[in-house]
Amino acid sequence: MKHRLFTAIDLPDTTVSEIVTLQPQLEKLKAPLVWEKRPHMTLNFLGQIPDDEVPLVKKALTQATQSAYQFTLQPLYVETLYSRHEPTILYLSLAKSEELNDLHKSLIVNLESITPQPRKFLPHITIAQLRRTDPVSTKRFMDLISDFESPQFTPLTVEKISLYQSLITQAGTTHQKLATFMLQSLLL
């Protein structure tokens, strides 16, 4: 059996609450929140991993997190990502973080012998998805987003990463957490 796996940073309740305050504006734009019970920020999509390779993935994640320290991320403002023939997403951008980039690079290095990993990385928190993705609708949506009022977001501390399995059913996609990997504490 194969498992559709990805790594992610779970969002703290404070960040989730701040994003939920955007819901009235999103409803006006006909762009409902897209996450389920536990929102997260995807780090690496691993694809379909066979049963016998899941322990190798966990070992690779353990190795990657042994040299990574806890850090802080600063959510900034709402942006859109448009790709022709793909759903347009509304996401929360993040301030540049060398620590996040270093963690992502470490994950790539440790996972690439198991599954190929793309080098390009756009750290973001997906918050909504447009149903219509034609260029005219997307342009109109992007014009509306330029007037979007984002709250001042609280910085979030990243203390761990999680390994998730994505389960796709007729009712939609759900995520099951398989393991958690703690980052090293800054306190000695």
N, C-alpha and C. Protein backbone atom coordinates (compact mmCIF):
# COMPACT_ATOMS: atom_id res chain seq x y z
N MET A 1 0.84 -1.18 0.00
CA MET A 1 0.00 0.00 0.00
C MET A 1 0.89 1.25 0.00
N LYS A 2 0.42 2.30 -0.67
CA LYS A 2 1.16 3.55 -0.71
C LYS A 2 0.43 4.62 0.09
N HIS A 3 1.21 5.56 0.64
CA HIS A 3 0.67 6.65 1.44
C HIS A 3 1.07 7.98 0.81
N ARG A 4 0.11 8.87 0.67
CA ARG A 4 0.36 10.22 0.13
C ARG A 4 0.81 11.09 1.30
N LEU A 5 2.12 11.38 1.39
CA LEU A 5 2.69 12.02 2.57
C LEU A 5 3.19 13.44 2.29
N PHE A 6 3.19 14.25 3.35
CA PHE A 6 3.80 15.57 3.29
C PHE A 6 4.25 15.98 4.68
N THR A 7 5.20 16.91 4.73
CA THR A 7 5.65 17.47 6.00
C THR A 7 5.06 18.86 6.15
N ALA A 8 4.84 19.26 7.40
CA ALA A 8 4.20 20.56 7.62
C ALA A 8 4.55 21.12 8.99
N ILE A 9 4.31 22.43 9.11
CA ILE A 9 4.37 23.12 10.40
C ILE A 9 2.92 23.36 10.81
N ASP A 10 2.55 22.86 11.98
CA ASP A 10 1.21 23.10 12.49
C ASP A 10 1.12 24.55 12.97
N LEU A 11 -0.01 25.17 12.72
CA LEU A 11 -0.20 26.56 13.14
C LEU A 11 -0.74 26.64 14.55
N PRO A 12 -0.20 27.54 15.37
CA PRO A 12 -0.72 27.69 16.74
C PRO A 12 -2.12 28.32 16.72
N ASP A 13 -2.85 28.12 17.80
CA ASP A 13 -4.22 28.63 17.91
C ASP A 13 -4.30 30.14 17.68
N THR A 14 -3.29 30.88 18.13
CA THR A 14 -3.29 32.34 17.94
C THR A 14 -3.33 32.70 16.46
N THR A 15 -2.49 32.05 15.67
CA THR A 15 -2.44 32.32 14.23
C THR A 15 -3.76 31.92 13.57
N VAL A 16 -4.29 30.77 13.96
CA VAL A 16 -5.57 30.31 13.40
C VAL A 16 -6.66 31.32 13.71
N SER A 17 -6.73 31.80 14.94
CA SER A 17 -7.75 32.79 15.32
C SER A 17 -7.61 34.06 14.50
N GLU A 18 -6.39 34.51 14.27
CA GLU A 18 -6.17 35.72 13.48
C GLU A 18 -6.60 35.52 12.03
N ILE A 19 -6.34 34.34 11.49
CA ILE A 19 -6.76 34.06 10.11
C ILE A 19 -8.28 33.98 10.02
N VAL A 20 -8.91 33.39 11.02
CA VAL A 20 -10.37 33.27 11.03
C VAL A 20 -11.03 34.65 11.01
N THR A 21 -10.37 35.67 11.56
CA THR A 21 -10.96 37.03 11.52
C THR A 21 -11.07 37.55 10.09
N LEU A 22 -10.37 36.91 9.15
CA LEU A 22 -10.46 37.30 7.74
C LEU A 22 -11.71 36.73 7.07
N GLN A 23 -12.38 35.78 7.72
CA GLN A 23 -13.50 35.07 7.10
C GLN A 23 -14.59 36.00 6.54
N PRO A 24 -15.03 37.04 7.25
CA PRO A 24 -16.06 37.90 6.66
C PRO A 24 -15.63 38.53 5.33
N GLN A 25 -14.36 38.95 5.24
CA GLN A 25 -13.87 39.51 3.98
C GLN A 25 -13.79 38.44 2.89
N LEU A 26 -13.39 37.22 3.28
CA LEU A 26 -13.30 36.13 2.32
C LEU A 26 -14.68 35.75 1.79
N GLU A 27 -15.67 35.78 2.66
CA GLU A 27 -17.03 35.45 2.22
C GLU A 27 -17.54 36.47 1.20
N LYS A 28 -17.20 37.73 1.37
CA LYS A 28 -17.58 38.76 0.40
C LYS A 28 -16.95 38.49 -0.96
N LEU A 29 -15.77 37.89 -0.94
CA LEU A 29 -15.06 37.56 -2.17
C LEU A 29 -15.43 36.17 -2.69
N LYS A 30 -16.34 35.50 -1.98
CA LYS A 30 -16.74 34.12 -2.32
C LYS A 30 -15.53 33.18 -2.34
N ALA A 31 -14.70 33.33 -1.31
CA ALA A 31 -13.50 32.50 -1.17
C ALA A 31 -13.44 31.96 0.25
N PRO A 32 -14.14 30.86 0.54
CA PRO A 32 -14.15 30.33 1.90
C PRO A 32 -12.80 29.73 2.31
N LEU A 33 -12.55 29.69 3.62
CA LEU A 33 -11.34 29.06 4.13
C LEU A 33 -11.28 27.61 3.64
N VAL A 34 -10.08 27.11 3.34
CA VAL A 34 -9.96 25.78 2.73
C VAL A 34 -9.46 24.70 3.68
N TRP A 35 -9.09 25.06 4.86
CA TRP A 35 -8.50 24.02 5.69
C TRP A 35 -9.54 23.27 6.50
N GLU A 36 -9.06 22.18 7.07
CA GLU A 36 -9.91 21.39 7.95
C GLU A 36 -9.65 21.80 9.39
N LYS A 37 -9.79 20.87 10.31
CA LYS A 37 -9.69 21.20 11.74
C LYS A 37 -8.32 21.73 12.15
N ARG A 38 -7.26 21.27 11.54
CA ARG A 38 -5.92 21.66 11.98
C ARG A 38 -5.13 22.28 10.83
N PRO A 39 -5.17 23.59 10.69
CA PRO A 39 -4.42 24.23 9.61
C PRO A 39 -2.91 24.07 9.79
N HIS A 40 -2.21 24.11 8.68
CA HIS A 40 -0.77 23.90 8.69
C HIS A 40 -0.13 24.63 7.52
N MET A 41 1.19 24.67 7.53
CA MET A 41 1.97 25.21 6.43
C MET A 41 2.80 24.06 5.85
N THR A 42 2.51 23.67 4.63
CA THR A 42 3.22 22.55 4.01
C THR A 42 4.68 22.92 3.75
N LEU A 43 5.57 22.00 4.10
CA LEU A 43 7.01 22.18 3.84
C LEU A 43 7.45 21.38 2.62
N ASN A 44 7.13 20.08 2.61
CA ASN A 44 7.54 19.19 1.53
C ASN A 44 6.40 18.24 1.20
N PHE A 45 6.09 18.11 -0.07
CA PHE A 45 5.16 17.08 -0.52
C PHE A 45 5.99 15.90 -0.95
N LEU A 46 5.75 14.74 -0.34
CA LEU A 46 6.58 13.57 -0.60
C LEU A 46 5.99 12.64 -1.67
N GLY A 47 4.71 12.79 -1.96
CA GLY A 47 4.08 11.94 -2.96
C GLY A 47 3.65 10.60 -2.38
N GLN A 48 3.50 9.62 -3.26
CA GLN A 48 3.06 8.28 -2.88
C GLN A 48 4.25 7.48 -2.37
N ILE A 49 4.24 7.18 -1.08
CA ILE A 49 5.35 6.46 -0.45
C ILE A 49 4.88 5.06 -0.06
N PRO A 50 5.58 4.00 -0.51
CA PRO A 50 5.19 2.63 -0.13
C PRO A 50 5.36 2.40 1.38
N ASP A 51 4.57 1.46 1.90
CA ASP A 51 4.62 1.10 3.33
C ASP A 51 6.04 0.90 3.84
N ASP A 52 6.84 0.14 3.08
CA ASP A 52 8.17 -0.21 3.57
C ASP A 52 9.14 0.97 3.59
N GLU A 53 8.78 2.12 2.96
CA GLU A 53 9.65 3.29 2.96
C GLU A 53 9.24 4.34 4.00
N VAL A 54 8.08 4.17 4.63
CA VAL A 54 7.63 5.14 5.64
C VAL A 54 8.64 5.22 6.80
N PRO A 55 9.18 4.09 7.30
CA PRO A 55 10.21 4.21 8.34
C PRO A 55 11.45 4.99 7.88
N LEU A 56 11.81 4.87 6.60
CA LEU A 56 12.94 5.63 6.07
C LEU A 56 12.63 7.13 6.07
N VAL A 57 11.39 7.48 5.75
CA VAL A 57 10.97 8.88 5.79
C VAL A 57 11.09 9.41 7.22
N LYS A 58 10.61 8.64 8.18
CA LYS A 58 10.67 9.06 9.58
C LYS A 58 12.12 9.22 10.04
N LYS A 59 12.99 8.32 9.61
CA LYS A 59 14.40 8.43 9.97
C LYS A 59 15.02 9.68 9.35
N ALA A 60 14.68 9.96 8.10
CA ALA A 60 15.20 11.16 7.42
C ALA A 60 14.72 12.43 8.12
N LEU A 61 13.47 12.44 8.57
CA LEU A 61 12.94 13.62 9.27
C LEU A 61 13.60 13.78 10.63
N THR A 62 13.88 12.67 11.29
CA THR A 62 14.60 12.73 12.57
C THR A 62 15.98 13.34 12.36
N GLN A 63 16.68 12.90 11.32
CA GLN A 63 18.01 13.43 11.03
C GLN A 63 17.95 14.92 10.68
N ALA A 64 16.96 15.32 9.91
CA ALA A 64 16.85 16.73 9.51
C ALA A 64 16.57 17.63 10.70
N THR A 65 15.77 17.17 11.64
CA THR A 65 15.40 18.02 12.77
C THR A 65 16.45 18.00 13.89
N GLN A 66 17.36 17.04 13.87
CA GLN A 66 18.41 17.01 14.90
C GLN A 66 19.35 18.20 14.79
N SER A 67 19.47 18.76 13.60
CA SER A 67 20.37 19.90 13.42
C SER A 67 19.63 21.22 13.24
N ALA A 68 18.31 21.21 13.44
CA ALA A 68 17.49 22.42 13.26
C ALA A 68 17.00 22.93 14.61
N TYR A 69 17.09 24.23 14.78
CA TYR A 69 16.66 24.86 16.02
C TYR A 69 15.30 25.54 15.86
N GLN A 70 14.60 25.69 16.97
CA GLN A 70 13.32 26.40 16.97
C GLN A 70 13.55 27.82 16.45
N PHE A 71 12.52 28.36 15.80
CA PHE A 71 12.63 29.70 15.25
C PHE A 71 11.25 30.34 15.20
N THR A 72 11.23 31.61 14.82
CA THR A 72 9.98 32.37 14.76
C THR A 72 9.69 32.78 13.33
N LEU A 73 8.41 32.69 12.95
CA LEU A 73 7.95 33.15 11.64
C LEU A 73 7.00 34.31 11.84
N GLN A 74 7.06 35.28 10.94
CA GLN A 74 6.17 36.44 11.01
C GLN A 74 5.23 36.44 9.80
N PRO A 75 3.94 36.09 10.01
CA PRO A 75 2.97 36.24 8.92
C PRO A 75 2.82 37.72 8.58
N LEU A 76 2.67 38.02 7.29
CA LEU A 76 2.63 39.41 6.85
C LEU A 76 1.26 39.84 6.34
N TYR A 77 0.90 39.43 5.14
CA TYR A 77 -0.33 39.91 4.53
C TYR A 77 -0.85 38.88 3.53
N VAL A 78 -2.05 39.13 3.04
CA VAL A 78 -2.72 38.22 2.12
C VAL A 78 -2.27 38.50 0.69
N GLU A 79 -1.98 37.43 -0.06
CA GLU A 79 -1.58 37.53 -1.46
C GLU A 79 -2.29 36.43 -2.25
N THR A 80 -2.17 36.51 -3.57
CA THR A 80 -2.73 35.45 -4.42
C THR A 80 -1.62 34.79 -5.22
N LEU A 81 -1.87 33.54 -5.58
CA LEU A 81 -0.96 32.79 -6.44
C LEU A 81 -1.80 32.23 -7.58
N TYR A 82 -1.54 32.75 -8.77
CA TYR A 82 -2.30 32.33 -9.95
C TYR A 82 -1.43 31.46 -10.83
N SER A 83 -1.99 30.33 -11.26
CA SER A 83 -1.32 29.46 -12.20
C SER A 83 -2.37 28.97 -13.19
N ARG A 84 -2.10 29.18 -14.45
CA ARG A 84 -3.07 28.79 -15.48
C ARG A 84 -3.38 27.30 -15.37
N HIS A 85 -4.63 26.97 -15.45
CA HIS A 85 -5.14 25.59 -15.38
C HIS A 85 -5.05 24.98 -13.99
N GLU A 86 -4.70 25.77 -13.01
CA GLU A 86 -4.66 25.31 -11.61
C GLU A 86 -5.54 26.25 -10.79
N PRO A 87 -6.08 25.77 -9.68
CA PRO A 87 -6.86 26.69 -8.83
C PRO A 87 -5.99 27.84 -8.33
N THR A 88 -6.57 29.03 -8.30
CA THR A 88 -5.87 30.19 -7.76
C THR A 88 -6.04 30.15 -6.25
N ILE A 89 -4.94 30.34 -5.53
CA ILE A 89 -5.04 30.30 -4.07
C ILE A 89 -4.83 31.69 -3.47
N LEU A 90 -5.42 31.86 -2.33
CA LEU A 90 -5.23 33.05 -1.51
C LEU A 90 -4.38 32.57 -0.34
N TYR A 91 -3.27 33.25 -0.09
CA TYR A 91 -2.39 32.77 0.97
C TYR A 91 -1.87 33.92 1.82
N LEU A 92 -1.40 33.53 2.98
CA LEU A 92 -0.78 34.45 3.91
C LEU A 92 0.73 34.35 3.69
N SER A 93 1.34 35.47 3.29
CA SER A 93 2.79 35.47 3.05
C SER A 93 3.52 35.56 4.39
N LEU A 94 4.80 35.23 4.34
CA LEU A 94 5.64 35.22 5.54
C LEU A 94 6.88 36.07 5.31
N ALA A 95 7.36 36.70 6.36
CA ALA A 95 8.63 37.43 6.28
C ALA A 95 9.74 36.43 5.99
N LYS A 96 10.76 36.88 5.30
CA LYS A 96 11.89 36.01 4.97
C LYS A 96 12.49 35.43 6.25
N SER A 97 12.78 34.14 6.21
CA SER A 97 13.35 33.46 7.37
C SER A 97 14.46 32.53 6.93
N GLU A 98 15.69 32.86 7.29
CA GLU A 98 16.82 31.99 6.98
C GLU A 98 16.68 30.64 7.67
N GLU A 99 16.14 30.67 8.90
CA GLU A 99 15.95 29.42 9.65
C GLU A 99 14.98 28.48 8.93
N LEU A 100 13.89 29.05 8.39
CA LEU A 100 12.93 28.23 7.65
C LEU A 100 13.58 27.69 6.37
N ASN A 101 14.31 28.53 5.66
CA ASN A 101 14.99 28.07 4.44
C ASN A 101 16.01 26.98 4.75
N ASP A 102 16.75 27.13 5.86
CA ASP A 102 17.72 26.12 6.25
C ASP A 102 17.04 24.80 6.61
N LEU A 103 15.91 24.88 7.31
CA LEU A 103 15.16 23.67 7.66
C LEU A 103 14.69 22.99 6.37
N HIS A 104 14.15 23.76 5.45
CA HIS A 104 13.66 23.19 4.20
C HIS A 104 14.80 22.52 3.42
N LYS A 105 15.96 23.17 3.36
CA LYS A 105 17.12 22.57 2.67
C LYS A 105 17.54 21.27 3.34
N SER A 106 17.53 21.25 4.66
CA SER A 106 17.89 20.03 5.40
C SER A 106 16.90 18.90 5.10
N LEU A 107 15.63 19.24 5.02
CA LEU A 107 14.61 18.24 4.69
C LEU A 107 14.85 17.70 3.28
N ILE A 108 15.15 18.58 2.33
CA ILE A 108 15.42 18.15 0.95
C ILE A 108 16.59 17.17 0.92
N VAL A 109 17.69 17.55 1.56
CA VAL A 109 18.89 16.71 1.56
C VAL A 109 18.60 15.34 2.16
N ASN A 110 17.85 15.31 3.24
CA ASN A 110 17.59 14.04 3.92
C ASN A 110 16.51 13.20 3.23
N LEU A 111 15.63 13.82 2.45
CA LEU A 111 14.54 13.09 1.81
C LEU A 111 14.81 12.70 0.36
N GLU A 112 15.80 13.35 -0.29
CA GLU A 112 15.95 13.15 -1.73
C GLU A 112 16.33 11.73 -2.13
N SER A 113 16.91 10.93 -1.25
CA SER A 113 17.23 9.54 -1.60
C SER A 113 15.97 8.67 -1.58
N ILE A 114 14.89 9.17 -0.95
CA ILE A 114 13.63 8.43 -0.87
C ILE A 114 12.67 8.89 -1.95
N THR A 115 12.57 10.20 -2.13
CA THR A 115 11.65 10.78 -3.10
C THR A 115 12.22 12.10 -3.60
N PRO A 116 12.17 12.34 -4.91
CA PRO A 116 12.72 13.61 -5.44
C PRO A 116 12.02 14.81 -4.80
N GLN A 117 12.79 15.85 -4.52
CA GLN A 117 12.26 17.04 -3.88
C GLN A 117 12.55 18.27 -4.73
N PRO A 118 11.51 19.08 -5.01
CA PRO A 118 11.76 20.31 -5.77
C PRO A 118 12.60 21.29 -4.95
N ARG A 119 13.45 22.03 -5.62
CA ARG A 119 14.32 22.99 -4.93
C ARG A 119 13.60 24.31 -4.66
N LYS A 120 12.63 24.67 -5.51
CA LYS A 120 11.93 25.93 -5.36
C LYS A 120 10.98 25.84 -4.15
N PHE A 121 10.97 26.90 -3.34
CA PHE A 121 10.18 26.89 -2.12
C PHE A 121 9.58 28.27 -1.91
N LEU A 122 8.26 28.34 -1.88
CA LEU A 122 7.55 29.58 -1.59
C LEU A 122 6.80 29.37 -0.28
N PRO A 123 7.42 29.74 0.85
CA PRO A 123 6.76 29.53 2.14
C PRO A 123 5.50 30.39 2.25
N HIS A 124 4.39 29.75 2.58
CA HIS A 124 3.13 30.46 2.69
C HIS A 124 2.11 29.59 3.44
N ILE A 125 1.04 30.23 3.86
CA ILE A 125 -0.06 29.53 4.52
C ILE A 125 -1.29 29.71 3.64
N THR A 126 -1.73 28.64 2.99
CA THR A 126 -2.91 28.72 2.14
C THR A 126 -4.14 28.93 3.01
N ILE A 127 -4.95 29.93 2.64
CA ILE A 127 -6.14 30.19 3.44
C ILE A 127 -7.44 30.07 2.65
N ALA A 128 -7.38 30.20 1.33
CA ALA A 128 -8.60 30.07 0.53
C ALA A 128 -8.22 29.70 -0.90
N GLN A 129 -9.23 29.23 -1.64
CA GLN A 129 -9.02 28.82 -3.01
C GLN A 129 -10.19 29.31 -3.85
N LEU A 130 -9.88 29.86 -5.01
CA LEU A 130 -10.94 30.33 -5.90
C LEU A 130 -11.53 29.16 -6.67
N ARG A 131 -12.84 29.14 -6.77
CA ARG A 131 -13.48 28.09 -7.55
C ARG A 131 -13.26 28.34 -9.05
N ARG A 132 -13.45 29.57 -9.48
CA ARG A 132 -13.25 29.92 -10.90
C ARG A 132 -11.82 30.43 -11.06
N THR A 133 -11.13 29.88 -12.04
CA THR A 133 -9.72 30.27 -12.18
C THR A 133 -9.39 30.83 -13.57
N ASP A 134 -10.41 31.26 -14.32
CA ASP A 134 -10.10 31.86 -15.61
C ASP A 134 -9.40 33.20 -15.36
N PRO A 135 -8.61 33.66 -16.32
CA PRO A 135 -7.82 34.89 -16.13
C PRO A 135 -8.66 36.13 -15.77
N VAL A 136 -9.85 36.28 -16.36
CA VAL A 136 -10.68 37.46 -16.08
C VAL A 136 -11.16 37.44 -14.63
N SER A 137 -11.67 36.30 -14.17
CA SER A 137 -12.14 36.20 -12.78
C SER A 137 -10.98 36.40 -11.80
N THR A 138 -9.84 35.82 -12.13
CA THR A 138 -8.68 35.94 -11.25
C THR A 138 -8.21 37.39 -11.18
N LYS A 139 -8.17 38.09 -12.30
CA LYS A 139 -7.75 39.50 -12.31
C LYS A 139 -8.70 40.34 -11.46
N ARG A 140 -10.00 40.11 -11.59
CA ARG A 140 -10.98 40.85 -10.80
C ARG A 140 -10.78 40.56 -9.30
N PHE A 141 -10.53 39.29 -8.99
CA PHE A 141 -10.28 38.89 -7.61
C PHE A 141 -9.02 39.56 -7.07
N MET A 142 -7.96 39.59 -7.87
CA MET A 142 -6.69 40.20 -7.43
C MET A 142 -6.85 41.71 -7.20
N ASP A 143 -7.69 42.35 -8.01
CA ASP A 143 -7.96 43.77 -7.78
C ASP A 143 -8.66 43.98 -6.44
N LEU A 144 -9.58 43.09 -6.10
CA LEU A 144 -10.27 43.19 -4.81
C LEU A 144 -9.31 42.92 -3.65
N ILE A 145 -8.38 41.99 -3.85
CA ILE A 145 -7.41 41.65 -2.80
C ILE A 145 -6.52 42.84 -2.48
N SER A 146 -6.25 43.68 -3.45
CA SER A 146 -5.37 44.83 -3.20
C SER A 146 -5.95 45.76 -2.13
N ASP A 147 -7.27 45.71 -1.93
CA ASP A 147 -7.92 46.52 -0.89
C ASP A 147 -8.17 45.73 0.39
N PHE A 148 -7.68 44.50 0.44
CA PHE A 148 -7.93 43.60 1.55
C PHE A 148 -7.24 44.10 2.81
N GLU A 149 -7.95 44.11 3.91
CA GLU A 149 -7.37 44.56 5.18
C GLU A 149 -6.92 43.36 6.00
N SER A 150 -5.62 43.22 6.14
CA SER A 150 -5.06 42.14 6.95
C SER A 150 -4.79 42.66 8.36
N PRO A 151 -5.06 41.83 9.36
CA PRO A 151 -4.72 42.25 10.72
C PRO A 151 -3.21 42.21 10.93
N GLN A 152 -2.76 42.77 12.02
CA GLN A 152 -1.35 42.65 12.40
C GLN A 152 -1.22 41.25 13.01
N PHE A 153 -0.49 40.37 12.35
CA PHE A 153 -0.38 38.99 12.81
C PHE A 153 0.70 38.85 13.88
N THR A 154 0.45 38.00 14.84
CA THR A 154 1.39 37.68 15.91
C THR A 154 2.45 36.72 15.36
N PRO A 155 3.73 36.93 15.67
CA PRO A 155 4.75 35.97 15.24
C PRO A 155 4.45 34.58 15.81
N LEU A 156 4.80 33.55 15.07
CA LEU A 156 4.57 32.19 15.56
C LEU A 156 5.89 31.47 15.73
N THR A 157 6.00 30.73 16.82
CA THR A 157 7.20 29.98 17.11
C THR A 157 7.08 28.58 16.55
N VAL A 158 8.08 28.17 15.78
CA VAL A 158 8.09 26.83 15.20
C VAL A 158 8.95 25.96 16.10
N GLU A 159 8.32 25.01 16.75
CA GLU A 159 9.02 24.11 17.68
C GLU A 159 9.13 22.69 17.15
N LYS A 160 8.34 22.37 16.12
CA LYS A 160 8.31 21.00 15.61
C LYS A 160 7.77 21.01 14.19
N ILE A 161 7.99 19.89 13.51
CA ILE A 161 7.34 19.66 12.22
C ILE A 161 6.57 18.35 12.34
N SER A 162 5.60 18.18 11.46
CA SER A 162 4.77 16.97 11.49
C SER A 162 4.80 16.28 10.14
N LEU A 163 4.65 14.97 10.19
CA LEU A 163 4.49 14.14 9.00
C LEU A 163 3.01 13.79 8.91
N TYR A 164 2.40 14.11 7.77
CA TYR A 164 0.99 13.87 7.55
C TYR A 164 0.77 12.91 6.40
N GLN A 165 -0.35 12.19 6.50
CA GLN A 165 -0.85 11.42 5.37
C GLN A 165 -2.10 12.12 4.88
N SER A 166 -2.15 12.34 3.58
CA SER A 166 -3.30 12.97 2.96
C SER A 166 -4.24 11.87 2.46
N LEU A 167 -5.48 11.91 2.93
CA LEU A 167 -6.47 10.90 2.56
C LEU A 167 -7.52 11.55 1.68
N ILE A 168 -7.59 11.10 0.43
CA ILE A 168 -8.52 11.68 -0.52
C ILE A 168 -9.74 10.76 -0.65
N THR A 169 -10.91 11.32 -0.37
CA THR A 169 -12.16 10.57 -0.49
C THR A 169 -13.15 11.38 -1.32
N GLN A 170 -14.30 10.80 -1.59
CA GLN A 170 -15.33 11.54 -2.33
C GLN A 170 -15.83 12.73 -1.53
N ALA A 171 -15.74 12.66 -0.21
CA ALA A 171 -16.18 13.76 0.66
C ALA A 171 -15.15 14.88 0.74
N GLY A 172 -13.96 14.65 0.20
CA GLY A 172 -12.91 15.66 0.26
C GLY A 172 -11.61 15.09 0.81
N THR A 173 -10.65 15.95 1.00
CA THR A 173 -9.34 15.54 1.51
C THR A 173 -9.25 15.80 3.00
N THR A 174 -8.73 14.82 3.73
CA THR A 174 -8.44 14.99 5.15
C THR A 174 -6.98 14.62 5.38
N HIS A 175 -6.46 15.05 6.51
CA HIS A 175 -5.06 14.80 6.83
C HIS A 175 -4.97 14.08 8.17
N GLN A 176 -4.15 13.07 8.20
CA GLN A 176 -3.91 12.31 9.42
C GLN A 176 -2.44 12.48 9.82
N LYS A 177 -2.21 12.96 11.04
CA LYS A 177 -0.84 13.14 11.51
C LYS A 177 -0.26 11.77 11.86
N LEU A 178 0.90 11.46 11.28
CA LEU A 178 1.56 10.18 11.53
C LEU A 178 2.67 10.29 12.57
N ALA A 179 3.34 11.44 12.62
CA ALA A 179 4.46 11.61 13.55
C ALA A 179 4.79 13.09 13.71
N THR A 180 5.44 13.39 14.83
CA THR A 180 5.90 14.75 15.12
C THR A 180 7.39 14.69 15.41
N PHE A 181 8.12 15.69 14.92
CA PHE A 181 9.57 15.75 15.09
C PHE A 181 9.93 17.10 15.69
N MET A 182 10.45 17.07 16.91
CA MET A 182 10.78 18.30 17.63
C MET A 182 12.06 18.92 17.09
N LEU A 183 12.06 20.24 16.99
CA LEU A 183 13.28 20.97 16.67
C LEU A 183 14.05 21.17 17.96
N GLN A 184 15.31 21.46 17.83
CA GLN A 184 16.16 21.63 19.01
C GLN A 184 15.81 22.95 19.71
N SER A 185 15.82 22.93 21.03
CA SER A 185 15.52 24.12 21.82
C SER A 185 16.70 25.06 21.81
N LEU A 186 16.39 26.35 21.80
CA LEU A 186 17.46 27.36 21.86
C LEU A 186 18.03 27.49 23.26
N LEU A 187 17.25 27.06 24.25
CA LEU A 187 17.70 27.14 25.65
C LEU A 187 18.59 25.95 25.96
N LEU A 188 19.69 26.19 26.62
CA LEU A 188 20.61 25.10 26.97
C LEU A 188 20.48 24.74 28.42
